[in-house]
Amino acid sequence: MAKLQTFNRKTRKVSGFLTLCKLYIRIRIKEIVVKEQIQWVLLYIQEESADIWKEKILEDLEVDTLEYAMIEEFLVDLKKEFSKRDNKIIKMAELKKVEQRSRIIEKFVQVS
């Protein structure tokens, strides 16, 4: 089986990452408890703001404030979290392309 690539919240990788996670879980680790499946998925979430989100999930798992009956519920939440951010990034990128007279919008908007 191919090695799962790390996820760093880039738009085009969210769906592919989730699909590979689902496949691996079904093939290799479907018998283990959901908390351990989540921890396995978190192993592959790295870099950028995805790491910050991962740390929050890990904290919630450690103190048992985060409960999922099935891994699919967690994966849906993961997709929602990063789809929201991805939509914002896409919209910002599109705005940068807008022109006003001969100047592009990037000259008017500072992105932090």
PDB file of N, CA and C in Angstrom:
ATOM      1  N   MET A   1       0.842  -1.188   0.000  1.00  0.00           N
ATOM      2  CA  MET A   1       0.000   0.000   0.000  1.00  0.00           C
ATOM      3  C   MET A   1       0.882   1.245   0.000  1.00  0.00           C
ATOM      4  N   ALA A   2       0.491   2.221  -0.765  1.00  0.00           N
ATOM      5  CA  ALA A   2       1.257   3.462  -0.871  1.00  0.00           C
ATOM      6  C   ALA A   2       1.259   4.211   0.458  1.00  0.00           C
ATOM      7  N   LYS A   3       2.358   4.913   0.709  1.00  0.00           N
ATOM      8  CA  LYS A   3       2.472   5.709   1.925  1.00  0.00           C
ATOM      9  C   LYS A   3       1.599   6.951   1.801  1.00  0.00           C
ATOM     10  N   LEU A   4       0.881   7.260   2.856  1.00  0.00           N
ATOM     11  CA  LEU A   4       0.021   8.441   2.879  1.00  0.00           C
ATOM     12  C   LEU A   4       0.879   9.690   2.989  1.00  0.00           C
ATOM     13  N   GLN A   5       0.616  10.665   2.144  1.00  0.00           N
ATOM     14  CA  GLN A   5       1.337  11.930   2.187  1.00  0.00           C
ATOM     15  C   GLN A   5       0.800  12.787   3.321  1.00  0.00           C
ATOM     16  N   THR A   6       1.651  13.632   3.876  1.00  0.00           N
ATOM     17  CA  THR A   6       1.186  14.520   4.934  1.00  0.00           C
ATOM     18  C   THR A   6       0.222  15.551   4.367  1.00  0.00           C
ATOM     19  N   PHE A   7      -0.649  16.026   5.224  1.00  0.00           N
ATOM     20  CA  PHE A   7      -1.642  17.027   4.845  1.00  0.00           C
ATOM     21  C   PHE A   7      -1.267  18.343   5.501  1.00  0.00           C
ATOM     22  N   ASN A   8      -1.218  19.411   4.721  1.00  0.00           N
ATOM     23  CA  ASN A   8      -0.882  20.720   5.269  1.00  0.00           C
ATOM     24  C   ASN A   8      -1.923  21.775   4.920  1.00  0.00           C
ATOM     25  N   ARG A   9      -3.130  21.342   4.661  1.00  0.00           N
ATOM     26  CA  ARG A   9      -4.334  22.135   4.426  1.00  0.00           C
ATOM     27  C   ARG A   9      -4.415  22.850   3.096  1.00  0.00           C
ATOM     28  N   LYS A  10      -3.698  22.403   2.095  1.00  0.00           N
ATOM     29  CA  LYS A  10      -3.813  23.014   0.775  1.00  0.00           C
ATOM     30  C   LYS A  10      -5.090  22.528   0.097  1.00  0.00           C
ATOM     31  N   THR A  11      -5.769  23.419  -0.583  1.00  0.00           N
ATOM     32  CA  THR A  11      -7.089  23.175  -1.164  1.00  0.00           C
ATOM     33  C   THR A  11      -7.207  21.874  -1.930  1.00  0.00           C
ATOM     34  N   ARG A  12      -6.324  21.652  -2.858  1.00  0.00           N
ATOM     35  CA  ARG A  12      -6.485  20.499  -3.731  1.00  0.00           C
ATOM     36  C   ARG A  12      -6.138  19.182  -3.064  1.00  0.00           C
ATOM     37  N   LYS A  13      -5.648  19.221  -1.850  1.00  0.00           N
ATOM     38  CA  LYS A  13      -5.242  17.992  -1.184  1.00  0.00           C
ATOM     39  C   LYS A  13      -6.257  17.471  -0.175  1.00  0.00           C
ATOM     40  N   VAL A  14      -7.210  18.266   0.249  1.00  0.00           N
ATOM     41  CA  VAL A  14      -8.135  17.857   1.311  1.00  0.00           C
ATOM     42  C   VAL A  14      -8.897  16.594   0.934  1.00  0.00           C
ATOM     43  N   SER A  15      -9.568  16.601  -0.188  1.00  0.00           N
ATOM     44  CA  SER A  15     -10.382  15.449  -0.584  1.00  0.00           C
ATOM     45  C   SER A  15      -9.542  14.201  -0.811  1.00  0.00           C
ATOM     46  N   GLY A  16      -8.415  14.369  -1.472  1.00  0.00           N
ATOM     47  CA  GLY A  16      -7.532  13.235  -1.724  1.00  0.00           C
ATOM     48  C   GLY A  16      -6.991  12.651  -0.435  1.00  0.00           C
ATOM     49  N   PHE A  17      -6.612  13.512   0.491  1.00  0.00           N
ATOM     50  CA  PHE A  17      -6.117  13.072   1.791  1.00  0.00           C
ATOM     51  C   PHE A  17      -7.181  12.272   2.537  1.00  0.00           C
ATOM     52  N   LEU A  18      -8.392  12.785   2.558  1.00  0.00           N
ATOM     53  CA  LEU A  18      -9.489  12.108   3.269  1.00  0.00           C
ATOM     54  C   LEU A  18      -9.826  10.767   2.632  1.00  0.00           C
ATOM     55  N   THR A  19      -9.804  10.700   1.319  1.00  0.00           N
ATOM     56  CA  THR A  19     -10.079   9.441   0.623  1.00  0.00           C
ATOM     57  C   THR A  19      -9.039   8.387   0.987  1.00  0.00           C
ATOM     58  N   LEU A  20      -7.778   8.772   0.972  1.00  0.00           N
ATOM     59  CA  LEU A  20      -6.727   7.821   1.335  1.00  0.00           C
ATOM     60  C   LEU A  20      -6.828   7.387   2.794  1.00  0.00           C
ATOM     61  N   CYS A  21      -7.181   8.308   3.666  1.00  0.00           N
ATOM     62  CA  CYS A  21      -7.373   7.947   5.083  1.00  0.00           C
ATOM     63  C   CYS A  21      -8.485   6.906   5.226  1.00  0.00           C
ATOM     64  N   LYS A  22      -9.608   7.155   4.580  1.00  0.00           N
ATOM     65  CA  LYS A  22     -10.732   6.217   4.654  1.00  0.00           C
ATOM     66  C   LYS A  22     -10.336   4.833   4.148  1.00  0.00           C
ATOM     67  N   LEU A  23      -9.646   4.804   3.028  1.00  0.00           N
ATOM     68  CA  LEU A  23      -9.220   3.519   2.463  1.00  0.00           C
ATOM     69  C   LEU A  23      -8.285   2.773   3.415  1.00  0.00           C
ATOM     70  N   TYR A  24      -7.295   3.481   3.928  1.00  0.00           N
ATOM     71  CA  TYR A  24      -6.333   2.835   4.823  1.00  0.00           C
ATOM     72  C   TYR A  24      -7.022   2.312   6.077  1.00  0.00           C
ATOM     73  N   ILE A  25      -7.888   3.128   6.640  1.00  0.00           N
ATOM     74  CA  ILE A  25      -8.603   2.719   7.854  1.00  0.00           C
ATOM     75  C   ILE A  25      -9.430   1.465   7.586  1.00  0.00           C
ATOM     76  N   ARG A  26     -10.145   1.437   6.470  1.00  0.00           N
ATOM     77  CA  ARG A  26     -10.977   0.278   6.138  1.00  0.00           C
ATOM     78  C   ARG A  26     -10.146  -0.977   5.890  1.00  0.00           C
ATOM     79  N   ILE A  27      -8.976  -0.812   5.297  1.00  0.00           N
ATOM     80  CA  ILE A  27      -8.150  -1.964   4.950  1.00  0.00           C
ATOM     81  C   ILE A  27      -7.308  -2.440   6.134  1.00  0.00           C
ATOM     82  N   ARG A  28      -6.718  -1.511   6.883  1.00  0.00           N
ATOM     83  CA  ARG A  28      -5.707  -1.876   7.874  1.00  0.00           C
ATOM     84  C   ARG A  28      -6.104  -1.717   9.337  1.00  0.00           C
ATOM     85  N   ILE A  29      -6.869  -0.687   9.663  1.00  0.00           N
ATOM     86  CA  ILE A  29      -7.086  -0.412  11.090  1.00  0.00           C
ATOM     87  C   ILE A  29      -8.559  -0.253  11.479  1.00  0.00           C
ATOM     88  N   LYS A  30      -9.439  -0.911  10.761  1.00  0.00           N
ATOM     89  CA  LYS A  30     -10.868  -0.749  11.053  1.00  0.00           C
ATOM     90  C   LYS A  30     -11.266  -1.353  12.395  1.00  0.00           C
ATOM     91  N   GLU A  31     -10.459  -2.263  12.930  1.00  0.00           N
ATOM     92  CA  GLU A  31     -10.796  -2.935  14.184  1.00  0.00           C
ATOM     93  C   GLU A  31     -10.385  -2.153  15.428  1.00  0.00           C
ATOM     94  N   ILE A  32      -9.533  -1.143  15.287  1.00  0.00           N
ATOM     95  CA  ILE A  32      -9.105  -0.411  16.480  1.00  0.00           C
ATOM     96  C   ILE A  32     -10.128   0.661  16.837  1.00  0.00           C
ATOM     97  N   VAL A  33     -10.048   1.157  18.060  1.00  0.00           N
ATOM     98  CA  VAL A  33     -11.036   2.130  18.545  1.00  0.00           C
ATOM     99  C   VAL A  33     -10.903   3.452  17.788  1.00  0.00           C
ATOM    100  N   VAL A  34     -11.976   4.190  17.755  1.00  0.00           N
ATOM    101  CA  VAL A  34     -12.050   5.438  16.991  1.00  0.00           C
ATOM    102  C   VAL A  34     -10.987   6.435  17.450  1.00  0.00           C
ATOM    103  N   LYS A  35     -10.764   6.534  18.744  1.00  0.00           N
ATOM    104  CA  LYS A  35      -9.767   7.478  19.258  1.00  0.00           C
ATOM    105  C   LYS A  35      -8.389   7.193  18.659  1.00  0.00           C
ATOM    106  N   GLU A  36      -8.022   5.950  18.527  1.00  0.00           N
ATOM    107  CA  GLU A  36      -6.734   5.589  17.936  1.00  0.00           C
ATOM    108  C   GLU A  36      -6.724   5.820  16.428  1.00  0.00           C
ATOM    109  N   GLN A  37      -7.862   5.637  15.770  1.00  0.00           N
ATOM    110  CA  GLN A  37      -7.951   5.951  14.338  1.00  0.00           C
ATOM    111  C   GLN A  37      -7.734   7.448  14.118  1.00  0.00           C
ATOM    112  N   ILE A  38      -8.334   8.260  14.965  1.00  0.00           N
ATOM    113  CA  ILE A  38      -8.165   9.710  14.875  1.00  0.00           C
ATOM    114  C   ILE A  38      -6.698  10.076  15.078  1.00  0.00           C
ATOM    115  N   GLN A  39      -6.082   9.472  16.076  1.00  0.00           N
ATOM    116  CA  GLN A  39      -4.668   9.742  16.328  1.00  0.00           C
ATOM    117  C   GLN A  39      -3.818   9.341  15.122  1.00  0.00           C
ATOM    118  N   TRP A  40      -4.173   8.253  14.465  1.00  0.00           N
ATOM    119  CA  TRP A  40      -3.441   7.838  13.264  1.00  0.00           C
ATOM    120  C   TRP A  40      -3.566   8.905  12.173  1.00  0.00           C
ATOM    121  N   VAL A  41      -4.778   9.405  11.950  1.00  0.00           N
ATOM    122  CA  VAL A  41      -4.987  10.457  10.940  1.00  0.00           C
ATOM    123  C   VAL A  41      -4.159  11.692  11.307  1.00  0.00           C
ATOM    124  N   LEU A  42      -4.151  12.044  12.585  1.00  0.00           N
ATOM    125  CA  LEU A  42      -3.422  13.233  13.031  1.00  0.00           C
ATOM    126  C   LEU A  42      -1.914  13.129  12.799  1.00  0.00           C
ATOM    127  N   LEU A  43      -1.402  11.920  12.741  1.00  0.00           N
ATOM    128  CA  LEU A  43       0.022  11.730  12.433  1.00  0.00           C
ATOM    129  C   LEU A  43       0.399  12.357  11.103  1.00  0.00           C
ATOM    130  N   TYR A  44      -0.537  12.404  10.182  1.00  0.00           N
ATOM    131  CA  TYR A  44      -0.271  12.881   8.825  1.00  0.00           C
ATOM    132  C   TYR A  44      -0.701  14.321   8.591  1.00  0.00           C
ATOM    133  N   ILE A  45      -1.187  14.977   9.626  1.00  0.00           N
ATOM    134  CA  ILE A  45      -1.561  16.386   9.512  1.00  0.00           C
ATOM    135  C   ILE A  45      -0.403  17.198  10.064  1.00  0.00           C
ATOM    136  N   GLN A  46       0.261  17.931   9.184  1.00  0.00           N
ATOM    137  CA  GLN A  46       1.466  18.651   9.573  1.00  0.00           C
ATOM    138  C   GLN A  46       1.579  19.952   8.808  1.00  0.00           C
ATOM    139  N   GLU A  47       2.381  20.839   9.373  1.00  0.00           N
ATOM    140  CA  GLU A  47       2.742  22.103   8.743  1.00  0.00           C
ATOM    141  C   GLU A  47       1.625  23.142   8.799  1.00  0.00           C
ATOM    142  N   GLU A  48       2.044  24.367   8.721  1.00  0.00           N
ATOM    143  CA  GLU A  48       1.165  25.524   8.618  1.00  0.00           C
ATOM    144  C   GLU A  48       0.072  25.520   9.685  1.00  0.00           C
ATOM    145  N   SER A  49      -1.080  26.056   9.369  1.00  0.00           N
ATOM    146  CA  SER A  49      -2.160  26.153  10.350  1.00  0.00           C
ATOM    147  C   SER A  49      -2.802  24.806  10.642  1.00  0.00           C
ATOM    148  N   ALA A  50      -2.562  23.810   9.809  1.00  0.00           N
ATOM    149  CA  ALA A  50      -3.093  22.468  10.081  1.00  0.00           C
ATOM    150  C   ALA A  50      -2.499  21.915  11.362  1.00  0.00           C
ATOM    151  N   ASP A  51      -1.258  22.245  11.636  1.00  0.00           N
ATOM    152  CA  ASP A  51      -0.595  21.799  12.854  1.00  0.00           C
ATOM    153  C   ASP A  51      -1.247  22.393  14.099  1.00  0.00           C
ATOM    154  N   ILE A  52      -1.650  23.642  14.007  1.00  0.00           N
ATOM    155  CA  ILE A  52      -2.321  24.311  15.128  1.00  0.00           C
ATOM    156  C   ILE A  52      -3.646  23.623  15.413  1.00  0.00           C
ATOM    157  N   TRP A  53      -4.400  23.328  14.367  1.00  0.00           N
ATOM    158  CA  TRP A  53      -5.684  22.638  14.515  1.00  0.00           C
ATOM    159  C   TRP A  53      -5.463  21.261  15.126  1.00  0.00           C
ATOM    160  N   LYS A  54      -4.439  20.559  14.667  1.00  0.00           N
ATOM    161  CA  LYS A  54      -4.128  19.222  15.173  1.00  0.00           C
ATOM    162  C   LYS A  54      -3.842  19.261  16.670  1.00  0.00           C
ATOM    163  N   GLU A  55      -3.077  20.238  17.115  1.00  0.00           N
ATOM    164  CA  GLU A  55      -2.746  20.352  18.538  1.00  0.00           C
ATOM    165  C   GLU A  55      -4.003  20.535  19.385  1.00  0.00           C
ATOM    166  N   LYS A  56      -4.940  21.313  18.903  1.00  0.00           N
ATOM    167  CA  LYS A  56      -6.212  21.521  19.631  1.00  0.00           C
ATOM    168  C   LYS A  56      -6.983  20.208  19.729  1.00  0.00           C
ATOM    169  N   ILE A  57      -7.042  19.454  18.649  1.00  0.00           N
ATOM    170  CA  ILE A  57      -7.733  18.161  18.656  1.00  0.00           C
ATOM    171  C   ILE A  57      -7.053  17.203  19.626  1.00  0.00           C
ATOM    172  N   LEU A  58      -5.725  17.175  19.619  1.00  0.00           N
ATOM    173  CA  LEU A  58      -4.987  16.302  20.528  1.00  0.00           C
ATOM    174  C   LEU A  58      -5.271  16.647  21.988  1.00  0.00           C
ATOM    175  N   GLU A  59      -5.315  17.933  22.295  1.00  0.00           N
ATOM    176  CA  GLU A  59      -5.641  18.367  23.658  1.00  0.00           C
ATOM    177  C   GLU A  59      -7.034  17.887  24.053  1.00  0.00           C
ATOM    178  N   ASP A  60      -7.991  18.035  23.147  1.00  0.00           N
ATOM    179  CA  ASP A  60      -9.365  17.593  23.422  1.00  0.00           C
ATOM    180  C   ASP A  60      -9.442  16.077  23.611  1.00  0.00           C
ATOM    181  N   LEU A  61      -8.670  15.348  22.844  1.00  0.00           N
ATOM    182  CA  LEU A  61      -8.643  13.881  22.987  1.00  0.00           C
ATOM    183  C   LEU A  61      -8.048  13.469  24.329  1.00  0.00           C
ATOM    184  N   GLU A  62      -7.013  14.168  24.761  1.00  0.00           N
ATOM    185  CA  GLU A  62      -6.349  13.833  26.020  1.00  0.00           C
ATOM    186  C   GLU A  62      -7.245  14.032  27.229  1.00  0.00           C
ATOM    187  N   VAL A  63      -8.083  15.045  27.189  1.00  0.00           N
ATOM    188  CA  VAL A  63      -8.965  15.308  28.331  1.00  0.00           C
ATOM    189  C   VAL A  63     -10.378  14.760  28.110  1.00  0.00           C
ATOM    190  N   ASP A  64     -10.521  13.964  27.073  1.00  0.00           N
ATOM    191  CA  ASP A  64     -11.798  13.310  26.746  1.00  0.00           C
ATOM    192  C   ASP A  64     -12.971  14.271  26.555  1.00  0.00           C
ATOM    193  N   THR A  65     -12.714  15.443  25.983  1.00  0.00           N
ATOM    194  CA  THR A  65     -13.819  16.355  25.676  1.00  0.00           C
ATOM    195  C   THR A  65     -14.250  16.236  24.217  1.00  0.00           C
ATOM    196  N   LEU A  66     -13.554  15.398  23.473  1.00  0.00           N
ATOM    197  CA  LEU A  66     -13.845  15.204  22.058  1.00  0.00           C
ATOM    198  C   LEU A  66     -14.266  13.768  21.850  1.00  0.00           C
ATOM    199  N   GLU A  67     -15.490  13.577  21.411  1.00  0.00           N
ATOM    200  CA  GLU A  67     -15.984  12.214  21.241  1.00  0.00           C
ATOM    201  C   GLU A  67     -16.612  12.041  19.869  1.00  0.00           C
ATOM    202  N   TYR A  68     -16.195  11.000  19.204  1.00  0.00           N
ATOM    203  CA  TYR A  68     -16.772  10.615  17.921  1.00  0.00           C
ATOM    204  C   TYR A  68     -17.150   9.138  18.012  1.00  0.00           C
ATOM    205  N   ALA A  69     -18.344   8.814  17.584  1.00  0.00           N
ATOM    206  CA  ALA A  69     -18.774   7.415  17.576  1.00  0.00           C
ATOM    207  C   ALA A  69     -18.123   6.653  16.423  1.00  0.00           C
ATOM    208  N   MET A  70     -17.845   7.380  15.331  1.00  0.00           N
ATOM    209  CA  MET A  70     -17.255   6.758  14.138  1.00  0.00           C
ATOM    210  C   MET A  70     -16.186   7.690  13.570  1.00  0.00           C
ATOM    211  N   ILE A  71     -15.188   7.116  12.939  1.00  0.00           N
ATOM    212  CA  ILE A  71     -14.111   7.906  12.336  1.00  0.00           C
ATOM    213  C   ILE A  71     -14.650   8.819  11.241  1.00  0.00           C
ATOM    214  N   GLU A  72     -15.696   8.398  10.564  1.00  0.00           N
ATOM    215  CA  GLU A  72     -16.274   9.218   9.491  1.00  0.00           C
ATOM    216  C   GLU A  72     -16.745  10.573  10.009  1.00  0.00           C
ATOM    217  N   GLU A  73     -17.248  10.620  11.241  1.00  0.00           N
ATOM    218  CA  GLU A  73     -17.680  11.887  11.833  1.00  0.00           C
ATOM    219  C   GLU A  73     -16.494  12.845  11.972  1.00  0.00           C
ATOM    220  N   PHE A  74     -15.380  12.311  12.429  1.00  0.00           N
ATOM    221  CA  PHE A  74     -14.165  13.123  12.556  1.00  0.00           C
ATOM    222  C   PHE A  74     -13.694  13.616  11.194  1.00  0.00           C
ATOM    223  N   LEU A  75     -13.708  12.746  10.198  1.00  0.00           N
ATOM    224  CA  LEU A  75     -13.250  13.126   8.861  1.00  0.00           C
ATOM    225  C   LEU A  75     -14.142  14.194   8.247  1.00  0.00           C
ATOM    226  N   VAL A  76     -15.438  14.142   8.525  1.00  0.00           N
ATOM    227  CA  VAL A  76     -16.365  15.176   8.042  1.00  0.00           C
ATOM    228  C   VAL A  76     -16.009  16.512   8.692  1.00  0.00           C
ATOM    229  N   ASP A  77     -15.740  16.502  10.001  1.00  0.00           N
ATOM    230  CA  ASP A  77     -15.360  17.738  10.688  1.00  0.00           C
ATOM    231  C   ASP A  77     -14.041  18.283  10.150  1.00  0.00           C
ATOM    232  N   LEU A  78     -13.099  17.388   9.880  1.00  0.00           N
ATOM    233  CA  LEU A  78     -11.814  17.798   9.323  1.00  0.00           C
ATOM    234  C   LEU A  78     -12.019  18.480   7.969  1.00  0.00           C
ATOM    235  N   LYS A  79     -12.848  17.887   7.144  1.00  0.00           N
ATOM    236  CA  LYS A  79     -13.118  18.465   5.819  1.00  0.00           C
ATOM    237  C   LYS A  79     -13.788  19.838   5.944  1.00  0.00           C
ATOM    238  N   LYS A  80     -14.763  19.949   6.848  1.00  0.00           N
ATOM    239  CA  LYS A  80     -15.441  21.233   7.053  1.00  0.00           C
ATOM    240  C   LYS A  80     -14.457  22.303   7.507  1.00  0.00           C
ATOM    241  N   GLU A  81     -13.601  21.947   8.441  1.00  0.00           N
ATOM    242  CA  GLU A  81     -12.629  22.901   8.978  1.00  0.00           C
ATOM    243  C   GLU A  81     -11.721  23.459   7.892  1.00  0.00           C
ATOM    244  N   PHE A  82     -11.188  22.592   7.083  1.00  0.00           N
ATOM    245  CA  PHE A  82     -10.227  23.046   6.090  1.00  0.00           C
ATOM    246  C   PHE A  82     -10.877  23.533   4.803  1.00  0.00           C
ATOM    247  N   SER A  83     -12.096  23.140   4.541  1.00  0.00           N
ATOM    248  CA  SER A  83     -12.816  23.685   3.389  1.00  0.00           C
ATOM    249  C   SER A  83     -13.157  25.146   3.629  1.00  0.00           C
ATOM    250  N   LYS A  84     -13.516  25.500   4.866  1.00  0.00           N
ATOM    251  CA  LYS A  84     -13.814  26.898   5.190  1.00  0.00           C
ATOM    252  C   LYS A  84     -12.600  27.769   4.936  1.00  0.00           C
ATOM    253  N   ARG A  85     -11.461  27.342   5.435  1.00  0.00           N
ATOM    254  CA  ARG A  85     -10.240  28.119   5.274  1.00  0.00           C
ATOM    255  C   ARG A  85      -9.829  28.180   3.810  1.00  0.00           C
ATOM    256  N   ASP A  86      -9.995  27.081   3.118  1.00  0.00           N
ATOM    257  CA  ASP A  86      -9.618  27.046   1.708  1.00  0.00           C
ATOM    258  C   ASP A  86     -10.464  28.010   0.900  1.00  0.00           C
ATOM    259  N   ASN A  87     -11.762  28.081   1.191  1.00  0.00           N
ATOM    260  CA  ASN A  87     -12.630  29.006   0.472  1.00  0.00           C
ATOM    261  C   ASN A  87     -12.186  30.444   0.682  1.00  0.00           C
ATOM    262  N   LYS A  88     -11.781  30.779   1.899  1.00  0.00           N
ATOM    263  CA  LYS A  88     -11.313  32.133   2.194  1.00  0.00           C
ATOM    264  C   LYS A  88     -10.043  32.439   1.402  1.00  0.00           C
ATOM    265  N   ILE A  89      -9.128  31.507   1.353  1.00  0.00           N
ATOM    266  CA  ILE A  89      -7.869  31.697   0.625  1.00  0.00           C
ATOM    267  C   ILE A  89      -8.132  31.865  -0.868  1.00  0.00           C
ATOM    268  N   ILE A  90      -9.040  31.049  -1.400  1.00  0.00           N
ATOM    269  CA  ILE A  90      -9.386  31.143  -2.827  1.00  0.00           C
ATOM    270  C   ILE A  90      -9.976  32.515  -3.129  1.00  0.00           C
ATOM    271  N   LYS A  91     -10.881  32.975  -2.277  1.00  0.00           N
ATOM    272  CA  LYS A  91     -11.504  34.285  -2.502  1.00  0.00           C
ATOM    273  C   LYS A  91     -10.474  35.400  -2.447  1.00  0.00           C
ATOM    274  N   MET A  92      -9.513  35.298  -1.520  1.00  0.00           N
ATOM    275  CA  MET A  92      -8.467  36.308  -1.431  1.00  0.00           C
ATOM    276  C   MET A  92      -7.604  36.302  -2.693  1.00  0.00           C
ATOM    277  N   ALA A  93      -7.299  35.123  -3.195  1.00  0.00           N
ATOM    278  CA  ALA A  93      -6.492  35.007  -4.413  1.00  0.00           C
ATOM    279  C   ALA A  93      -7.231  35.610  -5.607  1.00  0.00           C
ATOM    280  N   GLU A  94      -8.537  35.373  -5.673  1.00  0.00           N
ATOM    281  CA  GLU A  94      -9.330  35.939  -6.762  1.00  0.00           C
ATOM    282  C   GLU A  94      -9.386  37.461  -6.673  1.00  0.00           C
ATOM    283  N   LEU A  95      -9.498  37.980  -5.453  1.00  0.00           N
ATOM    284  CA  LEU A  95      -9.517  39.429  -5.277  1.00  0.00           C
ATOM    285  C   LEU A  95      -8.220  40.074  -5.736  1.00  0.00           C
ATOM    286  N   LYS A  96      -7.118  39.373  -5.507  1.00  0.00           N
ATOM    287  CA  LYS A  96      -5.822  39.918  -5.922  1.00  0.00           C
ATOM    288  C   LYS A  96      -5.752  40.123  -7.428  1.00  0.00           C
ATOM    289  N   LYS A  97      -6.544  39.386  -8.175  1.00  0.00           N
ATOM    290  CA  LYS A  97      -6.513  39.472  -9.639  1.00  0.00           C
ATOM    291  C   LYS A  97      -7.379  40.608 -10.186  1.00  0.00           C
ATOM    292  N   VAL A  98      -8.262  41.147  -9.353  1.00  0.00           N
ATOM    293  CA  VAL A  98      -9.160  42.212  -9.795  1.00  0.00           C
ATOM    294  C   VAL A  98      -8.347  43.473 -10.088  1.00  0.00           C
ATOM    295  N   GLU A  99      -8.685  44.128 -11.179  1.00  0.00           N
ATOM    296  CA  GLU A  99      -7.978  45.349 -11.562  1.00  0.00           C
ATOM    297  C   GLU A  99      -8.882  46.562 -11.408  1.00  0.00           C
ATOM    298  N   GLN A 100      -8.274  47.660 -10.988  1.00  0.00           N
ATOM    299  CA  GLN A 100      -8.987  48.923 -10.947  1.00  0.00           C
ATOM    300  C   GLN A 100      -8.140  49.889 -11.758  1.00  0.00           C
ATOM    301  N   ARG A 101      -8.691  50.281 -12.847  1.00  0.00           N
ATOM    302  CA  ARG A 101      -7.942  51.043 -13.850  1.00  0.00           C
ATOM    303  C   ARG A 101      -6.750  50.198 -14.269  1.00  0.00           C
ATOM    304  N   SER A 102      -5.560  50.676 -14.082  1.00  0.00           N
ATOM    305  CA  SER A 102      -4.407  49.889 -14.513  1.00  0.00           C
ATOM    306  C   SER A 102      -3.677  49.217 -13.347  1.00  0.00           C
ATOM    307  N   ARG A 103      -4.232  49.350 -12.145  1.00  0.00           N
ATOM    308  CA  ARG A 103      -3.577  48.767 -10.975  1.00  0.00           C
ATOM    309  C   ARG A 103      -4.373  47.562 -10.466  1.00  0.00           C
ATOM    310  N   ILE A 104      -3.687  46.541  -9.995  1.00  0.00           N
ATOM    311  CA  ILE A 104      -4.385  45.385  -9.447  1.00  0.00           C
ATOM    312  C   ILE A 104      -4.734  45.640  -7.980  1.00  0.00           C
ATOM    313  N   ILE A 105      -5.714  44.938  -7.489  1.00  0.00           N
ATOM    314  CA  ILE A 105      -6.229  45.138  -6.139  1.00  0.00           C
ATOM    315  C   ILE A 105      -5.153  44.909  -5.066  1.00  0.00           C
ATOM    316  N   GLU A 106      -4.160  44.088  -5.367  1.00  0.00           N
ATOM    317  CA  GLU A 106      -3.096  43.797  -4.420  1.00  0.00           C
ATOM    318  C   GLU A 106      -2.410  45.080  -3.930  1.00  0.00           C
ATOM    319  N   LYS A 107      -2.406  46.107  -4.749  1.00  0.00           N
ATOM    320  CA  LYS A 107      -1.791  47.369  -4.371  1.00  0.00           C
ATOM    321  C   LYS A 107      -2.613  48.088  -3.279  1.00  0.00           C
ATOM    322  N   PHE A 108      -3.913  47.729  -3.168  1.00  0.00           N
ATOM    323  CA  PHE A 108      -4.797  48.387  -2.230  1.00  0.00           C
ATOM    324  C   PHE A 108      -5.040  47.594  -0.951  1.00  0.00           C
ATOM    325  N   VAL A 109      -4.839  46.288  -1.013  1.00  0.00           N
ATOM    326  CA  VAL A 109      -5.163  45.412   0.110  1.00  0.00           C
ATOM    327  C   VAL A 109      -3.892  44.773   0.651  1.00  0.00           C
ATOM    328  N   GLN A 110      -3.707  44.896   1.946  1.00  0.00           N
ATOM    329  CA  GLN A 110      -2.589  44.205   2.584  1.00  0.00           C
ATOM    330  C   GLN A 110      -3.099  42.888   3.127  1.00  0.00           C
ATOM    331  N   VAL A 111      -2.402  41.797   2.817  1.00  0.00           N
ATOM    332  CA  VAL A 111      -2.769  40.476   3.300  1.00  0.00           C
ATOM    333  C   VAL A 111      -1.737  40.070   4.338  1.00  0.00           C
ATOM    334  N   SER A 112      -2.219  39.711   5.522  1.00  0.00           N
ATOM    335  CA  SER A 112      -1.282  39.303   6.573  1.00  0.00           C
ATOM    336  C   SER A 112      -1.172  37.811   6.662  1.00  0.00           C
TER     337      SER A 112
END
